[in-house]
Structures are given as structure tokens and as C-alpha cells.
Amino acid sequence: MASNPTTFSLNPGNYGIPTREELIDHRIWDSHYHGFFYGGIAGHHATMFYVERMGIERVIALDIATGSRARAKGSAAPFLAIENQQKEILEKDASRISGIIRIDPAHPADSCRKMEQWIRQGPCIGIKYAGGYEGVTCSHANNDAIISLCRELNAVIYIHTWIKVGGSPRFPGGGNGGAESTPMDVAILARRFPDVPMICGHSGGDWELGARAIRSCENVSFEFSGSDPHSGQVDYAVNELGADRIVWGGHGPSRSYATELSKVFDSNLNQADRMKVLGGNCRRLAAPIFRKKGLQMKA
């Protein structure tokens, strides 16, 4: 691998692939960045090589301040050191990186305190429902206090969703973990808060069922990162939801940026709609909290 991320041994344009300059022109925002999750701070720096290589304008890191619950069970020092490093990076590289904190709906009061610390008083712009906690999905009433605070803060809301077939009899979602939300859970929450924008992550893993589950909820956007790539999936979602409701995520480094981008470039979208999906819609969702926090956003 070349040490310069902008150096290519072959010209992508000669093979019908977008060049780096063309990718830059699309103003790509990655709504699902896992650089801090795989390898910590060193992993983040390594992943940013590929972010730069693919011409991505901004990444939104979903793994900021993940040690809150773990700190209660052991020494706080290692987690505090990592979180201080993360905060320093978010503040130093604010023109390229934004952060989202994980919340735990099993502990709504703790989650709200964490939001006050990291969003209202700190550098972060939103929350993530990770789906790995104590049997409380995003549709549970515990979430009302969390979403109400998000509305006050203008915070971005990203919800991990998946649809695993299981149970007896088997049904979509019957194999999910107790705290793993489905797009159907997102729809229940979204109807309680129709004025609060939300992102339904991973397209629920099953993009046909996922798109239909949230179709009537105009405040819910649909994101494809991490789900298996299938030709036609973006076209299907746009037909169901409209181009204004699709958000792109790269899921790097555990997914290939080329694969995730190909989901959009494989579609039949025109240039204007492709730019909405790859960055414009995410910027629109983030714009209120950027203004509230006095952060700069390229017009």
C-alpha cells in the first residue's frame, strides 16, 4: 500500500470506476464510522488513510465514550484515558470527524447524563442505539426521556436495527437479541415522536422488509451500511421512501468502502439524488445541531 492515500497505481477512470476527484465532488459523509472500535486510537488513524483515499468529506464515529457501563464494574482509569483521547481528536479534527455516543435505554437517566456531558457540554452531535444491552429495544417507553432530550439538543439519532428470522413459529425478528431493535421498533418509536428525525441503521439487514416497515414514518431515514450488498437495493429503497430519506454509511474498517459505495453507484439514481444519498441528506440531518453548537459546515 502506498504511503500517500491519494496515489494510485492504476487510474480508476480507465475501468469505469469513479476517480478520487469524482468522489470528492460527491461530498460524501460517512454516517457509520467504526475506526475507533477496531483497534482504538491506532485503528482510527489507520482507517482515516482509507477515508482520505476514498475522498470522504466527513465521518461520524459511532464508538465514542463506549465504556460508561464497563466503568461501573471496574477501574475507570483506562476508559477515561481513551475517552480523553477521543475527545481530543474530535476537537482537533472537527472539520473531518464528528462523534456519536452510545446510550443504554435500560438506564435512561444515566443515558441522559451522558448526553448532557458529551453532547450539550462536549463535542458530540448525537446518539447511537447499539442494541447490545439489557433487553430494552428502542420502542420501549424508557426511550421517551432520551428522545425528548435529543429533540431539545437537536441531536442526531442512529438506531442499529436487524431482522433475524427465528422463534417458534419462525418469524422476521424472532431471532433477535432481547435488546436488538428491528425497523418495526423504529416505526413504533417514530410514531411517538413524529417531529424528531431518526436513522434506521443497516436497513434492518433485510432491506425489503425494513423499507416497508418505516415507509409511513416520514421522520425516519434509511441507512444501508453493513448489510450485504445486493444490486437493486438502493433503487428499491428510493422507490419506497424517496431519495431524500436514504443515508449512506461506510462501516469501515469492518466493511469495504468500495463495496458500500458500489451500492449507490450501482443504482439508477441521477447525479442530484446520488449526491443526496451520499452526503446531502446526512448534512441536512446534522445541520440543526451544527448550528446549535456553532460548528462549521461547508455549504
Protein backbone atom coordinates (compact mmCIF):
# COMPACT_ATOMS: atom_id res chain seq x y z
CA MET A 1 0.00 0.00 0.00
CA ALA A 2 1.33 3.44 -0.94
CA SER A 3 2.09 5.76 1.95
CA ASN A 4 0.18 8.54 0.20
CA PRO A 5 -3.57 7.81 0.17
CA THR A 6 -4.06 9.91 -2.96
CA THR A 7 -1.57 7.87 -5.03
CA PHE A 8 -3.00 5.11 -7.27
CA SER A 9 -1.00 2.69 -9.42
CA LEU A 10 -3.93 2.47 -11.85
CA ASN A 11 -6.36 5.15 -12.98
CA PRO A 12 -9.84 4.13 -11.72
CA GLY A 13 -11.44 6.13 -14.53
CA ASN A 14 -9.94 3.75 -17.09
CA TYR A 15 -12.02 0.93 -15.62
CA GLY A 16 -15.36 2.69 -15.31
CA ILE A 17 -14.81 3.37 -11.60
CA PRO A 18 -15.23 6.85 -10.10
CA THR A 19 -11.94 8.64 -9.65
CA ARG A 20 -11.00 10.13 -6.30
CA GLU A 21 -11.73 13.59 -7.70
CA GLU A 22 -15.22 12.46 -8.72
CA LEU A 23 -15.80 11.00 -5.25
CA ILE A 24 -14.72 14.29 -3.67
CA ASP A 25 -17.21 16.12 -5.87
CA HIS A 26 -20.00 13.97 -4.38
CA ARG A 27 -19.25 15.42 -0.91
CA ILE A 28 -19.57 12.07 0.83
CA TRP A 29 -20.48 11.93 4.53
CA ASP A 30 -19.99 8.57 6.23
CA SER A 31 -22.78 8.23 8.81
CA HIS A 32 -21.37 4.95 10.16
CA TYR A 33 -17.67 5.06 11.01
CA HIS A 34 -16.13 2.38 13.26
CA GLY A 35 -12.48 3.43 13.18
CA PHE A 36 -12.31 3.76 16.97
CA PHE A 37 -13.99 0.40 17.57
CA TYR A 38 -11.44 -1.72 15.70
CA GLY A 39 -8.00 -1.01 17.16
CA GLY A 40 -8.81 2.01 19.29
CA ILE A 41 -6.95 5.25 18.60
CA ALA A 42 -4.38 3.48 16.40
CA GLY A 43 -7.21 1.84 14.46
CA HIS A 44 -8.80 5.23 13.89
CA HIS A 45 -5.60 6.69 12.44
CA ALA A 46 -5.15 3.64 10.20
CA THR A 47 -8.75 3.81 8.94
CA MET A 48 -8.52 7.51 8.15
CA PHE A 49 -5.94 6.60 5.47
CA TYR A 50 -8.76 4.92 3.53
CA VAL A 51 -11.24 7.69 4.32
CA GLU A 52 -8.81 10.11 2.67
CA ARG A 53 -8.16 7.67 -0.18
CA MET A 54 -11.88 7.49 -0.99
CA GLY A 55 -12.32 11.25 -0.87
CA ILE A 56 -14.82 11.16 2.02
CA GLU A 57 -15.55 14.64 3.36
CA ARG A 58 -16.62 13.74 6.92
CA VAL A 59 -17.01 10.65 9.09
CA ILE A 60 -19.40 10.28 12.02
CA ALA A 61 -17.83 7.99 14.61
CA LEU A 62 -20.33 5.75 16.43
CA ASP A 63 -18.00 4.44 19.14
CA ILE A 64 -17.32 7.44 21.33
CA ALA A 65 -17.40 7.04 25.12
CA THR A 66 -18.39 3.37 24.99
CA GLY A 67 -17.02 2.49 28.43
CA SER A 68 -19.72 4.07 30.62
CA ARG A 69 -21.31 0.83 31.82
CA ALA A 70 -17.97 -1.00 31.99
CA ARG A 71 -16.50 1.71 34.22
CA ALA A 72 -19.11 0.94 36.84
CA LYS A 73 -17.77 -2.61 37.08
CA GLY A 74 -14.05 -1.94 37.31
CA SER A 75 -11.24 0.58 37.12
CA ALA A 76 -12.22 3.83 35.45
CA ALA A 77 -8.69 4.88 34.52
CA PRO A 78 -8.27 3.00 31.19
CA PHE A 79 -11.67 4.13 29.91
CA LEU A 80 -11.16 7.74 30.96
CA ALA A 81 -7.81 7.83 29.17
CA ILE A 82 -9.35 6.53 25.95
CA GLU A 83 -12.28 8.91 26.18
CA ASN A 84 -9.96 11.86 26.73
CA GLN A 85 -8.02 10.86 23.61
CA GLN A 86 -11.25 10.55 21.64
CA LYS A 87 -12.41 13.96 22.81
CA GLU A 88 -9.07 15.50 21.85
CA ILE A 89 -9.33 14.02 18.33
CA LEU A 90 -12.92 15.22 17.89
CA GLU A 91 -11.95 18.73 18.90
CA LYS A 92 -8.73 18.83 16.87
CA ASP A 93 -10.20 17.29 13.70
CA ALA A 94 -13.65 18.87 13.92
CA SER A 95 -13.58 19.71 10.22
CA ARG A 96 -13.44 15.99 9.29
CA ILE A 97 -14.79 13.97 12.23
CA SER A 98 -17.96 14.10 14.30
CA GLY A 99 -18.81 11.83 17.22
CA ILE A 100 -21.89 9.98 18.38
CA ILE A 101 -22.18 8.35 21.81
CA ARG A 102 -23.80 5.03 22.61
CA ILE A 103 -26.72 5.19 25.01
CA ASP A 104 -28.37 2.40 27.00
CA PRO A 105 -32.17 2.54 27.20
CA ALA A 106 -32.07 0.10 30.11
CA HIS A 107 -30.65 3.05 32.05
CA PRO A 108 -32.35 6.18 30.69
CA ALA A 109 -31.25 8.51 33.49
CA ASP A 110 -27.60 7.53 33.01
CA SER A 111 -28.01 7.91 29.27
CA CYS A 112 -29.38 11.42 29.64
CA ARG A 113 -26.50 12.38 31.94
CA LYS A 114 -24.07 11.05 29.35
CA MET A 115 -25.82 13.10 26.65
CA GLU A 116 -25.53 16.24 28.76
CA GLN A 117 -21.80 15.62 29.21
CA TRP A 118 -20.88 14.60 25.68
CA ILE A 119 -23.43 16.48 23.54
CA ARG A 120 -24.63 19.60 25.33
CA GLN A 121 -21.28 20.27 27.04
CA GLY A 122 -18.98 18.21 24.80
CA PRO A 123 -18.01 17.72 21.15
CA CYS A 124 -20.54 15.07 20.09
CA ILE A 125 -23.56 15.54 17.83
CA GLY A 126 -25.82 12.58 18.55
CA ILE A 127 -26.56 9.16 19.97
CA LYS A 128 -26.49 5.55 18.84
CA TYR A 129 -28.75 2.71 19.94
CA ALA A 130 -26.33 -0.20 19.74
CA GLY A 131 -28.73 -2.99 20.67
CA GLY A 132 -26.41 -4.90 22.97
CA TYR A 133 -27.75 -4.21 26.43
CA GLU A 134 -30.39 -5.49 28.83
CA GLY A 135 -33.41 -6.40 26.77
CA VAL A 136 -34.70 -2.88 26.08
CA THR A 137 -35.29 -2.01 22.43
CA CYS A 138 -35.81 1.46 21.02
CA SER A 139 -39.60 1.08 21.11
CA HIS A 140 -39.69 0.72 24.93
CA ALA A 141 -41.17 3.57 26.99
CA ASN A 142 -37.75 4.07 28.64
CA ASN A 143 -36.69 5.85 25.48
CA ASP A 144 -39.15 8.72 25.79
CA ALA A 145 -36.86 10.71 28.11
CA ILE A 146 -33.87 10.05 25.84
CA ILE A 147 -35.65 11.11 22.66
CA SER A 148 -37.15 14.15 24.35
CA LEU A 149 -33.64 15.28 25.30
CA CYS A 150 -32.46 14.58 21.73
CA ARG A 151 -35.23 16.86 20.47
CA GLU A 152 -34.05 19.62 22.81
CA LEU A 153 -30.42 19.18 21.75
CA ASN A 154 -31.20 18.68 18.02
CA ALA A 155 -29.12 15.51 18.36
CA VAL A 156 -28.70 13.04 15.50
CA ILE A 157 -30.27 9.66 16.36
CA TYR A 158 -28.81 6.49 14.83
CA ILE A 159 -30.56 3.19 15.65
CA HIS A 160 -28.89 -0.15 14.96
CA THR A 161 -31.56 -2.46 13.54
CA TRP A 162 -31.60 -6.02 12.31
CA ILE A 163 -34.20 -8.61 11.39
CA LYS A 164 -33.13 -12.16 12.29
CA VAL A 165 -35.58 -14.91 11.44
CA GLY A 166 -36.22 -17.21 14.39
CA GLY A 167 -38.61 -18.17 17.14
CA SER A 168 -41.29 -20.85 17.17
CA PRO A 169 -43.02 -20.46 14.85
CA ARG A 170 -40.27 -18.66 12.94
CA PHE A 171 -40.89 -15.02 12.01
CA PRO A 172 -38.83 -11.99 10.97
CA GLY A 173 -37.27 -10.58 14.12
CA GLY A 174 -37.89 -13.74 16.15
CA GLY A 175 -34.19 -14.49 16.31
CA ASN A 176 -33.10 -11.06 17.52
CA GLY A 177 -31.33 -10.50 20.80
CA GLY A 178 -33.53 -9.07 23.52
CA ALA A 179 -32.20 -5.53 23.08
CA GLU A 180 -31.72 -5.59 19.30
CA SER A 181 -34.23 -3.30 17.63
CA THR A 182 -35.94 -4.01 14.33
CA PRO A 183 -37.21 -1.43 11.83
CA MET A 184 -40.64 -2.23 13.26
CA ASP A 185 -39.40 -0.99 16.66
CA VAL A 186 -38.11 2.17 15.00
CA ALA A 187 -41.54 2.76 13.47
CA ILE A 188 -43.21 2.46 16.88
CA LEU A 189 -40.78 4.99 18.38
CA ALA A 190 -41.01 7.31 15.39
CA ARG A 191 -44.80 7.48 15.63
CA ARG A 192 -44.49 8.63 19.26
CA PHE A 193 -42.07 11.38 18.16
CA PRO A 194 -43.10 12.31 14.61
CA ASP A 195 -41.19 15.62 14.78
CA VAL A 196 -37.84 14.00 15.69
CA PRO A 197 -35.59 12.76 12.83
CA MET A 198 -34.12 9.27 13.22
CA ILE A 199 -31.92 6.95 11.18
CA CYS A 200 -32.88 3.28 10.80
CA GLY A 201 -29.46 1.62 10.55
CA HIS A 202 -28.29 -1.30 8.41
CA SER A 203 -31.64 -1.25 6.54
CA GLY A 204 -32.67 -3.77 9.18
CA GLY A 205 -30.45 -6.32 7.44
CA ASP A 206 -33.47 -7.17 5.25
CA TRP A 207 -33.90 -4.07 3.09
CA GLU A 208 -37.23 -5.13 1.57
CA LEU A 209 -38.94 -5.66 4.93
CA GLY A 210 -37.06 -2.77 6.53
CA ALA A 211 -38.11 -0.17 3.96
CA ARG A 212 -41.76 -1.18 4.18
CA ALA A 213 -41.69 -1.15 7.99
CA ILE A 214 -40.67 2.53 8.18
CA ARG A 215 -42.32 3.71 4.95
CA SER A 216 -45.13 5.64 6.66
CA CYS A 217 -42.77 7.39 9.10
CA GLU A 218 -41.58 10.48 7.26
CA ASN A 219 -39.17 11.35 10.09
CA VAL A 220 -37.14 8.13 9.59
CA SER A 221 -34.20 7.88 7.21
CA PHE A 222 -32.85 4.56 5.93
CA GLU A 223 -29.17 3.55 6.02
CA PHE A 224 -27.54 0.58 4.29
CA SER A 225 -24.13 0.10 5.90
CA GLY A 226 -23.15 -3.38 6.99
CA SER A 227 -25.98 -5.15 5.21
CA ASP A 228 -24.97 -7.49 2.41
CA PRO A 229 -24.60 -5.74 -0.97
CA HIS A 230 -27.33 -6.55 -3.45
CA SER A 231 -27.85 -4.96 -6.83
CA GLY A 232 -31.11 -3.00 -6.83
CA GLN A 233 -31.40 -2.44 -3.09
CA VAL A 234 -30.88 1.33 -3.26
CA ASP A 235 -33.28 1.67 -6.20
CA TYR A 236 -35.89 -0.30 -4.25
CA ALA A 237 -35.49 1.87 -1.17
CA VAL A 238 -35.70 5.08 -3.19
CA ASN A 239 -38.87 3.83 -4.87
CA GLU A 240 -40.37 3.04 -1.46
CA LEU A 241 -39.13 6.04 0.52
CA GLY A 242 -37.80 8.67 -1.86
CA ALA A 243 -34.20 9.81 -2.35
CA ASP A 244 -34.50 12.35 0.50
CA ARG A 245 -34.74 9.54 3.09
CA ILE A 246 -31.65 7.46 2.22
CA VAL A 247 -28.39 7.97 4.16
CA TRP A 248 -25.04 6.41 3.26
CA GLY A 249 -22.69 4.73 5.71
CA GLY A 250 -19.31 3.11 5.12
CA HIS A 251 -19.00 0.90 8.24
CA GLY A 252 -15.22 0.98 7.86
CA PRO A 253 -12.94 -0.70 8.61
CA SER A 254 -15.06 -3.84 9.08
CA ARG A 255 -16.67 -3.26 5.67
CA SER A 256 -15.07 -2.23 2.40
CA TYR A 257 -15.65 1.39 1.39
CA ALA A 258 -15.63 0.27 -2.24
CA THR A 259 -18.41 -2.24 -1.54
CA GLU A 260 -20.53 0.23 0.40
CA LEU A 261 -20.11 2.95 -2.23
CA SER A 262 -20.95 0.48 -5.00
CA LYS A 263 -24.44 0.07 -3.53
CA VAL A 264 -25.12 3.66 -4.55
CA PHE A 265 -23.13 3.78 -7.79
CA ASP A 266 -24.85 0.56 -8.92
CA SER A 267 -28.23 2.30 -8.68
CA ASN A 268 -30.09 4.17 -11.40
CA LEU A 269 -30.10 7.44 -9.45
CA ASN A 270 -29.39 10.68 -11.22
CA GLN A 271 -26.46 12.82 -10.08
CA ALA A 272 -28.56 15.07 -7.82
CA ASP A 273 -30.19 12.16 -5.98
CA ARG A 274 -26.88 10.30 -5.70
CA MET A 275 -25.38 13.33 -4.00
CA LYS A 276 -28.33 13.46 -1.58
CA VAL A 277 -27.80 9.82 -0.61
CA LEU A 278 -24.01 10.03 -0.30
CA GLY A 279 -23.92 13.19 1.79
CA GLY A 280 -26.64 15.76 1.32
CA ASN A 281 -29.25 14.01 3.45
CA CYS A 282 -26.80 13.41 6.29
CA ARG A 283 -25.76 17.07 6.24
CA ARG A 284 -29.41 18.10 6.40
CA LEU A 285 -29.99 15.88 9.46
CA ALA A 286 -26.88 17.21 11.19
CA ALA A 287 -27.37 20.88 10.27
CA PRO A 288 -29.57 21.82 13.28
CA ILE A 289 -27.07 20.61 15.88
CA PHE A 290 -24.14 22.06 13.93
CA ARG A 291 -25.86 25.45 14.09
CA LYS A 292 -26.76 24.99 17.76
CA LYS A 293 -23.18 24.13 18.70
CA GLY A 294 -21.62 26.78 16.45
CA LEU A 295 -19.85 24.16 14.31
CA GLN A 296 -18.77 24.93 10.78
CA MET A 297 -20.38 23.06 7.90
CA LYS A 298 -19.24 23.53 4.33
CA ALA A 299 -22.14 24.95 2.28
